[in-house]
Amino acid sequence: MAVTLLSITVILAAWVIRTAVAELRVPGSGRRQWAFLTDRRALAAGALAALLLGLIGWATTGPAAAAWAVLAGLLIASLTATDEPNG
């Protein structure tokens, strides 16, 4: 379980560092990259994916899969977000 959490932490840290570098290059880009956190449709898609992956993963591999499911849900939400204001 500790290796799983460390791996997920490294992935999230790389994501945040990537955002910080983009923000240094183009001010305001970091806010645009994380705007999916305010997009209801994207969050719903990510939550549904995390729930389904978490349930399937928990049943097959145990509780470590829940952490990976949350990460997958965040990535799915970021990919499904729209660039339009208010979703």
PDB file of N, CA and C in Angstrom:
ATOM      1  N   MET A   1       0.820  -1.190   0.000  1.00  0.00           N
ATOM      2  CA  MET A   1       0.000   0.000   0.000  1.00  0.00           C
ATOM      3  C   MET A   1       0.872   1.265   0.000  1.00  0.00           C
ATOM      4  N   ALA A   2       2.005   1.212   0.708  1.00  0.00           N
ATOM      5  CA  ALA A   2       2.880   2.379   0.771  1.00  0.00           C
ATOM      6  C   ALA A   2       3.478   2.698  -0.598  1.00  0.00           C
ATOM      7  N   VAL A   3       3.822   1.672  -1.352  1.00  0.00           N
ATOM      8  CA  VAL A   3       4.370   1.887  -2.697  1.00  0.00           C
ATOM      9  C   VAL A   3       3.316   2.511  -3.595  1.00  0.00           C
ATOM     10  N   THR A   4       2.085   2.073  -3.460  1.00  0.00           N
ATOM     11  CA  THR A   4       1.001   2.624  -4.260  1.00  0.00           C
ATOM     12  C   THR A   4       0.813   4.105  -3.969  1.00  0.00           C
ATOM     13  N   LEU A   5       0.770   4.459  -2.703  1.00  0.00           N
ATOM     14  CA  LEU A   5       0.585   5.861  -2.345  1.00  0.00           C
ATOM     15  C   LEU A   5       1.770   6.712  -2.784  1.00  0.00           C
ATOM     16  N   LEU A   6       2.958   6.181  -2.688  1.00  0.00           N
ATOM     17  CA  LEU A   6       4.136   6.910  -3.148  1.00  0.00           C
ATOM     18  C   LEU A   6       4.086   7.131  -4.658  1.00  0.00           C
ATOM     19  N   SER A   7       3.683   6.114  -5.391  1.00  0.00           N
ATOM     20  CA  SER A   7       3.574   6.243  -6.854  1.00  0.00           C
ATOM     21  C   SER A   7       2.553   7.302  -7.235  1.00  0.00           C
ATOM     22  N   ILE A   8       1.419   7.294  -6.569  1.00  0.00           N
ATOM     23  CA  ILE A   8       0.378   8.275  -6.864  1.00  0.00           C
ATOM     24  C   ILE A   8       0.844   9.676  -6.486  1.00  0.00           C
ATOM     25  N   THR A   9       1.549   9.794  -5.393  1.00  0.00           N
ATOM     26  CA  THR A   9       2.085  11.093  -4.983  1.00  0.00           C
ATOM     27  C   THR A   9       3.080  11.625  -6.002  1.00  0.00           C
ATOM     28  N   VAL A  10       3.910  10.769  -6.551  1.00  0.00           N
ATOM     29  CA  VAL A  10       4.877  11.182  -7.564  1.00  0.00           C
ATOM     30  C   VAL A  10       4.148  11.657  -8.822  1.00  0.00           C
ATOM     31  N   ILE A  11       3.121  10.947  -9.224  1.00  0.00           N
ATOM     32  CA  ILE A  11       2.360  11.339 -10.411  1.00  0.00           C
ATOM     33  C   ILE A  11       1.689  12.691 -10.196  1.00  0.00           C
ATOM     34  N   LEU A  12       1.056  12.875  -9.039  1.00  0.00           N
ATOM     35  CA  LEU A  12       0.417  14.161  -8.758  1.00  0.00           C
ATOM     36  C   LEU A  12       1.433  15.291  -8.663  1.00  0.00           C
ATOM     37  N   ALA A  13       2.590  15.009  -8.084  1.00  0.00           N
ATOM     38  CA  ALA A  13       3.636  16.029  -8.005  1.00  0.00           C
ATOM     39  C   ALA A  13       4.118  16.423  -9.399  1.00  0.00           C
ATOM     40  N   ALA A  14       4.277  15.454 -10.278  1.00  0.00           N
ATOM     41  CA  ALA A  14       4.686  15.757 -11.655  1.00  0.00           C
ATOM     42  C   ALA A  14       3.626  16.605 -12.353  1.00  0.00           C
ATOM     43  N   TRP A  15       2.368  16.331 -12.096  1.00  0.00           N
ATOM     44  CA  TRP A  15       1.268  17.095 -12.684  1.00  0.00           C
ATOM     45  C   TRP A  15       1.315  18.545 -12.188  1.00  0.00           C
ATOM     46  N   VAL A  16       1.541  18.732 -10.896  1.00  0.00           N
ATOM     47  CA  VAL A  16       1.612  20.077 -10.329  1.00  0.00           C
ATOM     48  C   VAL A  16       2.852  20.816 -10.836  1.00  0.00           C
ATOM     49  N   ILE A  17       3.967  20.131 -10.943  1.00  0.00           N
ATOM     50  CA  ILE A  17       5.189  20.765 -11.461  1.00  0.00           C
ATOM     51  C   ILE A  17       4.996  21.173 -12.911  1.00  0.00           C
ATOM     52  N   ARG A  18       4.345  20.332 -13.694  1.00  0.00           N
ATOM     53  CA  ARG A  18       4.059  20.663 -15.088  1.00  0.00           C
ATOM     54  C   ARG A  18       3.203  21.930 -15.166  1.00  0.00           C
ATOM     55  N   THR A  19       2.217  22.034 -14.286  1.00  0.00           N
ATOM     56  CA  THR A  19       1.376  23.224 -14.244  1.00  0.00           C
ATOM     57  C   THR A  19       2.194  24.451 -13.856  1.00  0.00           C
ATOM     58  N   ALA A  20       3.083  24.301 -12.882  1.00  0.00           N
ATOM     59  CA  ALA A  20       3.907  25.433 -12.438  1.00  0.00           C
ATOM     60  C   ALA A  20       4.834  25.920 -13.546  1.00  0.00           C
ATOM     61  N   VAL A  21       5.429  25.001 -14.277  1.00  0.00           N
ATOM     62  CA  VAL A  21       6.315  25.393 -15.384  1.00  0.00           C
ATOM     63  C   VAL A  21       5.520  26.108 -16.471  1.00  0.00           C
ATOM     64  N   ALA A  22       4.329  25.593 -16.776  1.00  0.00           N
ATOM     65  CA  ALA A  22       3.483  26.250 -17.777  1.00  0.00           C
ATOM     66  C   ALA A  22       3.068  27.639 -17.307  1.00  0.00           C
ATOM     67  N   GLU A  23       2.798  27.772 -16.013  1.00  0.00           N
ATOM     68  CA  GLU A  23       2.414  29.077 -15.459  1.00  0.00           C
ATOM     69  C   GLU A  23       3.560  30.070 -15.543  1.00  0.00           C
ATOM     70  N   LEU A  24       4.786  29.612 -15.347  1.00  0.00           N
ATOM     71  CA  LEU A  24       5.935  30.499 -15.469  1.00  0.00           C
ATOM     72  C   LEU A  24       6.117  30.974 -16.904  1.00  0.00           C
ATOM     73  N   ARG A  25       5.838  30.098 -17.839  1.00  0.00           N
ATOM     74  CA  ARG A  25       6.005  30.460 -19.255  1.00  0.00           C
ATOM     75  C   ARG A  25       4.890  31.372 -19.737  1.00  0.00           C
ATOM     76  N   VAL A  26       3.642  31.017 -19.395  1.00  0.00           N
ATOM     77  CA  VAL A  26       2.477  31.786 -19.832  1.00  0.00           C
ATOM     78  C   VAL A  26       1.594  32.030 -18.608  1.00  0.00           C
ATOM     79  N   PRO A  27       1.654  33.216 -18.026  1.00  0.00           N
ATOM     80  CA  PRO A  27       0.822  33.491 -16.853  1.00  0.00           C
ATOM     81  C   PRO A  27      -0.658  33.281 -17.145  1.00  0.00           C
ATOM     82  N   GLY A  28      -1.331  32.621 -16.226  1.00  0.00           N
ATOM     83  CA  GLY A  28      -2.757  32.327 -16.387  1.00  0.00           C
ATOM     84  C   GLY A  28      -3.029  30.935 -16.916  1.00  0.00           C
ATOM     85  N   SER A  29      -2.011  30.270 -17.435  1.00  0.00           N
ATOM     86  CA  SER A  29      -2.240  28.934 -18.004  1.00  0.00           C
ATOM     87  C   SER A  29      -2.513  27.893 -16.921  1.00  0.00           C
ATOM     88  N   GLY A  30      -1.960  28.103 -15.751  1.00  0.00           N
ATOM     89  CA  GLY A  30      -2.208  27.158 -14.658  1.00  0.00           C
ATOM     90  C   GLY A  30      -3.668  27.143 -14.256  1.00  0.00           C
ATOM     91  N   ARG A  31      -4.271  28.302 -14.212  1.00  0.00           N
ATOM     92  CA  ARG A  31      -5.696  28.390 -13.878  1.00  0.00           C
ATOM     93  C   ARG A  31      -6.531  27.676 -14.934  1.00  0.00           C
ATOM     94  N   ARG A  32      -6.159  27.830 -16.198  1.00  0.00           N
ATOM     95  CA  ARG A  32      -6.895  27.151 -17.267  1.00  0.00           C
ATOM     96  C   ARG A  32      -6.728  25.637 -17.184  1.00  0.00           C
ATOM     97  N   GLN A  33      -5.528  25.168 -16.803  1.00  0.00           N
ATOM     98  CA  GLN A  33      -5.290  23.735 -16.716  1.00  0.00           C
ATOM     99  C   GLN A  33      -6.098  23.091 -15.596  1.00  0.00           C
ATOM    100  N   TRP A  34      -6.347  23.812 -14.529  1.00  0.00           N
ATOM    101  CA  TRP A  34      -7.085  23.255 -13.391  1.00  0.00           C
ATOM    102  C   TRP A  34      -8.534  23.714 -13.370  1.00  0.00           C
ATOM    103  N   ALA A  35      -9.012  24.340 -14.435  1.00  0.00           N
ATOM    104  CA  ALA A  35     -10.388  24.814 -14.496  1.00  0.00           C
ATOM    105  C   ALA A  35     -11.396  23.674 -14.493  1.00  0.00           C
ATOM    106  N   PHE A  36     -10.950  22.455 -14.786  1.00  0.00           N
ATOM    107  CA  PHE A  36     -11.872  21.318 -14.779  1.00  0.00           C
ATOM    108  C   PHE A  36     -12.476  21.085 -13.391  1.00  0.00           C
ATOM    109  N   LEU A  37     -11.836  21.604 -12.356  1.00  0.00           N
ATOM    110  CA  LEU A  37     -12.360  21.431 -10.998  1.00  0.00           C
ATOM    111  C   LEU A  37     -13.637  22.227 -10.761  1.00  0.00           C
ATOM    112  N   THR A  38     -13.957  23.148 -11.661  1.00  0.00           N
ATOM    113  CA  THR A  38     -15.206  23.902 -11.550  1.00  0.00           C
ATOM    114  C   THR A  38     -16.210  23.510 -12.637  1.00  0.00           C
ATOM    115  N   ASP A  39     -15.870  22.562 -13.483  1.00  0.00           N
ATOM    116  CA  ASP A  39     -16.748  22.104 -14.557  1.00  0.00           C
ATOM    117  C   ASP A  39     -17.572  20.924 -14.048  1.00  0.00           C
ATOM    118  N   ARG A  40     -18.878  21.148 -13.878  1.00  0.00           N
ATOM    119  CA  ARG A  40     -19.740  20.111 -13.293  1.00  0.00           C
ATOM    120  C   ARG A  40     -19.781  18.837 -14.136  1.00  0.00           C
ATOM    121  N   ARG A  41     -19.827  18.997 -15.442  1.00  0.00           N
ATOM    122  CA  ARG A  41     -19.894  17.821 -16.309  1.00  0.00           C
ATOM    123  C   ARG A  41     -18.619  16.999 -16.211  1.00  0.00           C
ATOM    124  N   ALA A  42     -17.485  17.668 -16.202  1.00  0.00           N
ATOM    125  CA  ALA A  42     -16.208  16.974 -16.095  1.00  0.00           C
ATOM    126  C   ALA A  42     -16.068  16.280 -14.747  1.00  0.00           C
ATOM    127  N   LEU A  43     -16.483  16.961 -13.685  1.00  0.00           N
ATOM    128  CA  LEU A  43     -16.409  16.346 -12.360  1.00  0.00           C
ATOM    129  C   LEU A  43     -17.343  15.148 -12.245  1.00  0.00           C
ATOM    130  N   ALA A  44     -18.516  15.228 -12.866  1.00  0.00           N
ATOM    131  CA  ALA A  44     -19.441  14.097 -12.839  1.00  0.00           C
ATOM    132  C   ALA A  44     -18.855  12.903 -13.594  1.00  0.00           C
ATOM    133  N   ALA A  45     -18.238  13.164 -14.733  1.00  0.00           N
ATOM    134  CA  ALA A  45     -17.615  12.074 -15.493  1.00  0.00           C
ATOM    135  C   ALA A  45     -16.464  11.456 -14.713  1.00  0.00           C
ATOM    136  N   GLY A  46     -15.651  12.291 -14.088  1.00  0.00           N
ATOM    137  CA  GLY A  46     -14.542  11.791 -13.299  1.00  0.00           C
ATOM    138  C   GLY A  46     -15.003  11.015 -12.078  1.00  0.00           C
ATOM    139  N   ALA A  47     -16.045  11.507 -11.417  1.00  0.00           N
ATOM    140  CA  ALA A  47     -16.563  10.818 -10.235  1.00  0.00           C
ATOM    141  C   ALA A  47     -17.162   9.468 -10.607  1.00  0.00           C
ATOM    142  N   LEU A  48     -17.883   9.426 -11.715  1.00  0.00           N
ATOM    143  CA  LEU A  48     -18.459   8.151 -12.155  1.00  0.00           C
ATOM    144  C   LEU A  48     -17.361   7.151 -12.505  1.00  0.00           C
ATOM    145  N   ALA A  49     -16.359   7.606 -13.220  1.00  0.00           N
ATOM    146  CA  ALA A  49     -15.248   6.721 -13.567  1.00  0.00           C
ATOM    147  C   ALA A  49     -14.511   6.245 -12.319  1.00  0.00           C
ATOM    148  N   ALA A  50     -14.282   7.154 -11.378  1.00  0.00           N
ATOM    149  CA  ALA A  50     -13.590   6.777 -10.143  1.00  0.00           C
ATOM    150  C   ALA A  50     -14.412   5.773  -9.350  1.00  0.00           C
ATOM    151  N   LEU A  51     -15.709   5.978  -9.292  1.00  0.00           N
ATOM    152  CA  LEU A  51     -16.573   5.051  -8.564  1.00  0.00           C
ATOM    153  C   LEU A  51     -16.553   3.664  -9.192  1.00  0.00           C
ATOM    154  N   LEU A  52     -16.725   3.605 -10.498  1.00  0.00           N
ATOM    155  CA  LEU A  52     -16.743   2.304 -11.174  1.00  0.00           C
ATOM    156  C   LEU A  52     -15.387   1.604 -11.086  1.00  0.00           C
ATOM    157  N   LEU A  53     -14.324   2.346 -11.350  1.00  0.00           N
ATOM    158  CA  LEU A  53     -12.996   1.749 -11.254  1.00  0.00           C
ATOM    159  C   LEU A  53     -12.665   1.350  -9.822  1.00  0.00           C
ATOM    160  N   GLY A  54     -13.103   2.161  -8.868  1.00  0.00           N
ATOM    161  CA  GLY A  54     -12.860   1.843  -7.465  1.00  0.00           C
ATOM    162  C   GLY A  54     -13.572   0.583  -7.028  1.00  0.00           C
ATOM    163  N   LEU A  55     -14.825   0.435  -7.448  1.00  0.00           N
ATOM    164  CA  LEU A  55     -15.577  -0.768  -7.086  1.00  0.00           C
ATOM    165  C   LEU A  55     -14.975  -2.021  -7.709  1.00  0.00           C
ATOM    166  N   ILE A  56     -14.663  -1.938  -8.985  1.00  0.00           N
ATOM    167  CA  ILE A  56     -14.073  -3.096  -9.671  1.00  0.00           C
ATOM    168  C   ILE A  56     -12.690  -3.399  -9.099  1.00  0.00           C
ATOM    169  N   GLY A  57     -11.889  -2.364  -8.902  1.00  0.00           N
ATOM    170  CA  GLY A  57     -10.547  -2.565  -8.368  1.00  0.00           C
ATOM    171  C   GLY A  57     -10.552  -3.096  -6.952  1.00  0.00           C
ATOM    172  N   TRP A  58     -11.458  -2.583  -6.116  1.00  0.00           N
ATOM    173  CA  TRP A  58     -11.534  -3.049  -4.725  1.00  0.00           C
ATOM    174  C   TRP A  58     -11.903  -4.523  -4.687  1.00  0.00           C
ATOM    175  N   ALA A  59     -12.813  -4.915  -5.559  1.00  0.00           N
ATOM    176  CA  ALA A  59     -13.248  -6.314  -5.577  1.00  0.00           C
ATOM    177  C   ALA A  59     -12.140  -7.245  -6.060  1.00  0.00           C
ATOM    178  N   THR A  60     -11.280  -6.758  -6.937  1.00  0.00           N
ATOM    179  CA  THR A  60     -10.255  -7.644  -7.496  1.00  0.00           C
ATOM    180  C   THR A  60      -8.911  -7.550  -6.790  1.00  0.00           C
ATOM    181  N   THR A  61      -8.494  -6.336  -6.406  1.00  0.00           N
ATOM    182  CA  THR A  61      -7.144  -6.203  -5.836  1.00  0.00           C
ATOM    183  C   THR A  61      -7.110  -5.631  -4.432  1.00  0.00           C
ATOM    184  N   GLY A  62      -8.203  -5.122  -3.928  1.00  0.00           N
ATOM    185  CA  GLY A  62      -8.232  -4.602  -2.572  1.00  0.00           C
ATOM    186  C   GLY A  62      -8.250  -3.087  -2.506  1.00  0.00           C
ATOM    187  N   PRO A  63      -8.036  -2.546  -1.306  1.00  0.00           N
ATOM    188  CA  PRO A  63      -8.208  -1.104  -1.095  1.00  0.00           C
ATOM    189  C   PRO A  63      -7.190  -0.219  -1.801  1.00  0.00           C
ATOM    190  N   ALA A  64      -6.066  -0.741  -2.212  1.00  0.00           N
ATOM    191  CA  ALA A  64      -5.088   0.084  -2.924  1.00  0.00           C
ATOM    192  C   ALA A  64      -5.647   0.590  -4.247  1.00  0.00           C
ATOM    193  N   ALA A  65      -6.595  -0.131  -4.796  1.00  0.00           N
ATOM    194  CA  ALA A  65      -7.183   0.273  -6.069  1.00  0.00           C
ATOM    195  C   ALA A  65      -8.009   1.545  -5.934  1.00  0.00           C
ATOM    196  N   ALA A  66      -8.504   1.831  -4.750  1.00  0.00           N
ATOM    197  CA  ALA A  66      -9.312   3.034  -4.555  1.00  0.00           C
ATOM    198  C   ALA A  66      -8.484   4.296  -4.820  1.00  0.00           C
ATOM    199  N   ALA A  67      -7.247   4.307  -4.382  1.00  0.00           N
ATOM    200  CA  ALA A  67      -6.386   5.468  -4.619  1.00  0.00           C
ATOM    201  C   ALA A  67      -6.118   5.654  -6.110  1.00  0.00           C
ATOM    202  N   TRP A  68      -5.866   4.563  -6.810  1.00  0.00           N
ATOM    203  CA  TRP A  68      -5.655   4.650  -8.261  1.00  0.00           C
ATOM    204  C   TRP A  68      -6.932   5.096  -8.962  1.00  0.00           C
ATOM    205  N   ALA A  69      -8.086   4.673  -8.453  1.00  0.00           N
ATOM    206  CA  ALA A  69      -9.357   5.071  -9.051  1.00  0.00           C
ATOM    207  C   ALA A  69      -9.583   6.572  -8.909  1.00  0.00           C
ATOM    208  N   VAL A  70      -9.206   7.138  -7.773  1.00  0.00           N
ATOM    209  CA  VAL A  70      -9.337   8.583  -7.580  1.00  0.00           C
ATOM    210  C   VAL A  70      -8.430   9.336  -8.560  1.00  0.00           C
ATOM    211  N   LEU A  71      -7.210   8.870  -8.723  1.00  0.00           N
ATOM    212  CA  LEU A  71      -6.295   9.497  -9.683  1.00  0.00           C
ATOM    213  C   LEU A  71      -6.858   9.392 -11.100  1.00  0.00           C
ATOM    214  N   ALA A  72      -7.361   8.237 -11.456  1.00  0.00           N
ATOM    215  CA  ALA A  72      -7.955   8.065 -12.786  1.00  0.00           C
ATOM    216  C   ALA A  72      -9.155   8.986 -12.969  1.00  0.00           C
ATOM    217  N   GLY A  73      -9.964   9.143 -11.932  1.00  0.00           N
ATOM    218  CA  GLY A  73     -11.100  10.051 -11.998  1.00  0.00           C
ATOM    219  C   GLY A  73     -10.675  11.489 -12.232  1.00  0.00           C
ATOM    220  N   LEU A  74      -9.601  11.914 -11.572  1.00  0.00           N
ATOM    221  CA  LEU A  74      -9.078  13.271 -11.796  1.00  0.00           C
ATOM    222  C   LEU A  74      -8.585  13.451 -13.226  1.00  0.00           C
ATOM    223  N   LEU A  75      -7.877  12.465 -13.720  1.00  0.00           N
ATOM    224  CA  LEU A  75      -7.371  12.555 -15.094  1.00  0.00           C
ATOM    225  C   LEU A  75      -8.509  12.570 -16.104  1.00  0.00           C
ATOM    226  N   ILE A  76      -9.523  11.752 -15.886  1.00  0.00           N
ATOM    227  CA  ILE A  76     -10.679  11.732 -16.784  1.00  0.00           C
ATOM    228  C   ILE A  76     -11.416  13.066 -16.729  1.00  0.00           C
ATOM    229  N   ALA A  77     -11.571  13.617 -15.540  1.00  0.00           N
ATOM    230  CA  ALA A  77     -12.231  14.919 -15.417  1.00  0.00           C
ATOM    231  C   ALA A  77     -11.448  15.995 -16.156  1.00  0.00           C
ATOM    232  N   SER A  78     -10.124  15.956 -16.066  1.00  0.00           N
ATOM    233  CA  SER A  78      -9.330  16.971 -16.756  1.00  0.00           C
ATOM    234  C   SER A  78      -9.415  16.820 -18.266  1.00  0.00           C
ATOM    235  N   LEU A  79      -9.586  15.603 -18.737  1.00  0.00           N
ATOM    236  CA  LEU A  79      -9.683  15.386 -20.178  1.00  0.00           C
ATOM    237  C   LEU A  79     -11.055  15.717 -20.743  1.00  0.00           C
ATOM    238  N   THR A  80     -12.100  15.598 -19.940  1.00  0.00           N
ATOM    239  CA  THR A  80     -13.450  15.827 -20.439  1.00  0.00           C
ATOM    240  C   THR A  80     -13.936  17.249 -20.220  1.00  0.00           C
ATOM    241  N   ALA A  81     -13.134  18.077 -19.583  1.00  0.00           N
ATOM    242  CA  ALA A  81     -13.550  19.464 -19.326  1.00  0.00           C
ATOM    243  C   ALA A  81     -13.655  20.244 -20.631  1.00  0.00           C
ATOM    244  N   THR A  82     -14.588  21.164 -20.649  1.00  0.00           N
ATOM    245  CA  THR A  82     -14.758  22.023 -21.823  1.00  0.00           C
ATOM    246  C   THR A  82     -14.004  23.318 -21.591  1.00  0.00           C
ATOM    247  N   ASP A  83     -13.659  23.978 -22.669  1.00  0.00           N
ATOM    248  CA  ASP A  83     -12.972  25.266 -22.576  1.00  0.00           C
ATOM    249  C   ASP A  83     -13.949  26.423 -22.466  1.00  0.00           C
ATOM    250  N   GLU A  84     -15.242  26.134 -22.599  1.00  0.00           N
ATOM    251  CA  GLU A  84     -16.240  27.182 -22.545  1.00  0.00           C
ATOM    252  C   GLU A  84     -16.521  27.558 -21.089  1.00  0.00           C
ATOM    253  N   PRO A  85     -16.837  28.814 -20.824  1.00  0.00           N
ATOM    254  CA  PRO A  85     -17.186  29.184 -19.461  1.00  0.00           C
ATOM    255  C   PRO A  85     -18.493  28.512 -19.022  1.00  0.00           C
ATOM    256  N   ASN A  86     -18.585  28.187 -17.758  1.00  0.00           N
ATOM    257  CA  ASN A  86     -19.759  27.548 -17.159  1.00  0.00           C
ATOM    258  C   ASN A  86     -20.068  26.205 -17.773  1.00  0.00           C
ATOM    259  N   GLY A  87     -19.056  25.447 -18.155  1.00  0.00           N
ATOM    260  CA  GLY A  87     -19.231  24.089 -18.648  1.00  0.00           C
ATOM    261  C   GLY A  87     -19.912  24.040 -19.954  1.00  0.00           C
TER     262      GLY A  87
END
